[in-house]
Amino acid sequence: VNQRYDPEVQSLGGFLGNNVLMRCNVPSFVRDHVTVTSWLQEPSFNIYPSTMS
């Protein structure tokens, strides 16, 4: 099935120097097929998930 979707980034806010929680809202019909591996801050700065729990 070919269907367009747009993931949405939910901004929860934060302060400089603190940790933030970033969430990507992916539609349920593609959620099982999508894995978020990083966030791209323009033009080429990648933010990767933390290995800390």
C-alpha atoms as a PDB file:
ATOM      1  CA  VAL A   1       0.000   0.000   0.000  1.00  0.00           C
ATOM      2  CA  ASN A   2       1.438   3.328  -1.028  1.00  0.00           C
ATOM      3  CA  GLN A   3       0.281   6.012   1.385  1.00  0.00           C
ATOM      4  CA  ARG A   4       1.949   9.271   2.359  1.00  0.00           C
ATOM      5  CA  TYR A   5       2.499  10.110   6.020  1.00  0.00           C
ATOM      6  CA  ASP A   6       4.271  12.869   7.916  1.00  0.00           C
ATOM      7  CA  PRO A   7       5.869  12.082  11.268  1.00  0.00           C
ATOM      8  CA  GLU A   8       5.383  14.851  13.819  1.00  0.00           C
ATOM      9  CA  VAL A   9       7.905  16.016  16.382  1.00  0.00           C
ATOM     10  CA  GLN A  10       6.365  16.892  19.704  1.00  0.00           C
ATOM     11  CA  SER A  11       8.181  19.751  21.439  1.00  0.00           C
ATOM     12  CA  LEU A  12       8.111  19.466  25.203  1.00  0.00           C
ATOM     13  CA  GLY A  13      10.479  22.402  25.748  1.00  0.00           C
ATOM     14  CA  GLY A  14      13.651  22.559  27.779  1.00  0.00           C
ATOM     15  CA  PHE A  15      16.389  24.793  29.087  1.00  0.00           C
ATOM     16  CA  LEU A  16      19.947  25.234  27.832  1.00  0.00           C
ATOM     17  CA  GLY A  17      22.260  22.740  29.541  1.00  0.00           C
ATOM     18  CA  ASN A  18      19.478  20.393  30.680  1.00  0.00           C
ATOM     19  CA  ASN A  19      18.278  17.072  29.301  1.00  0.00           C
ATOM     20  CA  VAL A  20      15.217  17.080  27.067  1.00  0.00           C
ATOM     21  CA  LEU A  21      12.773  14.421  25.974  1.00  0.00           C
ATOM     22  CA  MET A  22      12.135  14.355  22.227  1.00  0.00           C
ATOM     23  CA  ARG A  23       9.222  12.365  20.888  1.00  0.00           C
ATOM     24  CA  CYS A  24       8.356  11.506  17.304  1.00  0.00           C
ATOM     25  CA  ASN A  25       4.677  10.793  16.662  1.00  0.00           C
ATOM     26  CA  VAL A  26       4.410   8.243  13.859  1.00  0.00           C
ATOM     27  CA  PRO A  27       0.942   7.278  12.573  1.00  0.00           C
ATOM     28  CA  SER A  28      -0.269   3.907  13.864  1.00  0.00           C
ATOM     29  CA  PHE A  29      -0.622   2.385  10.381  1.00  0.00           C
ATOM     30  CA  VAL A  30       3.173   2.532   9.830  1.00  0.00           C
ATOM     31  CA  ARG A  31       4.436   2.380  13.439  1.00  0.00           C
ATOM     32  CA  ASP A  32       5.442  -1.295  13.210  1.00  0.00           C
ATOM     33  CA  HIS A  33       7.636  -0.515  10.188  1.00  0.00           C
ATOM     34  CA  VAL A  34       9.423   2.632  11.431  1.00  0.00           C
ATOM     35  CA  THR A  35      12.416   2.976  13.747  1.00  0.00           C
ATOM     36  CA  VAL A  36      13.737   6.401  14.735  1.00  0.00           C
ATOM     37  CA  THR A  37      17.541   6.146  14.696  1.00  0.00           C
ATOM     38  CA  SER A  38      18.501   9.808  15.101  1.00  0.00           C
ATOM     39  CA  TRP A  39      17.277  13.386  14.939  1.00  0.00           C
ATOM     40  CA  LEU A  40      18.718  15.748  12.346  1.00  0.00           C
ATOM     41  CA  GLN A  41      19.269  19.357  13.345  1.00  0.00           C
ATOM     42  CA  GLU A  42      19.940  21.341  10.211  1.00  0.00           C
ATOM     43  CA  PRO A  43      22.073  21.247   8.250  1.00  0.00           C
ATOM     44  CA  SER A  44      24.081  18.199   9.340  1.00  0.00           C
ATOM     45  CA  PHE A  45      24.071  17.778  13.138  1.00  0.00           C
ATOM     46  CA  ASN A  46      22.784  14.337  14.185  1.00  0.00           C
ATOM     47  CA  ILE A  47      21.395  13.690  17.668  1.00  0.00           C
ATOM     48  CA  TYR A  48      21.544  10.019  18.628  1.00  0.00           C
ATOM     49  CA  PRO A  49      19.694   8.205  21.422  1.00  0.00           C
ATOM     50  CA  SER A  50      21.485   7.966  24.745  1.00  0.00           C
ATOM     51  CA  THR A  51      22.762   4.615  25.968  1.00  0.00           C
ATOM     52  CA  MET A  52      22.018   5.759  29.522  1.00  0.00           C
ATOM     53  CA  SER A  53      18.730   4.601  31.013  1.00  0.00           C
END
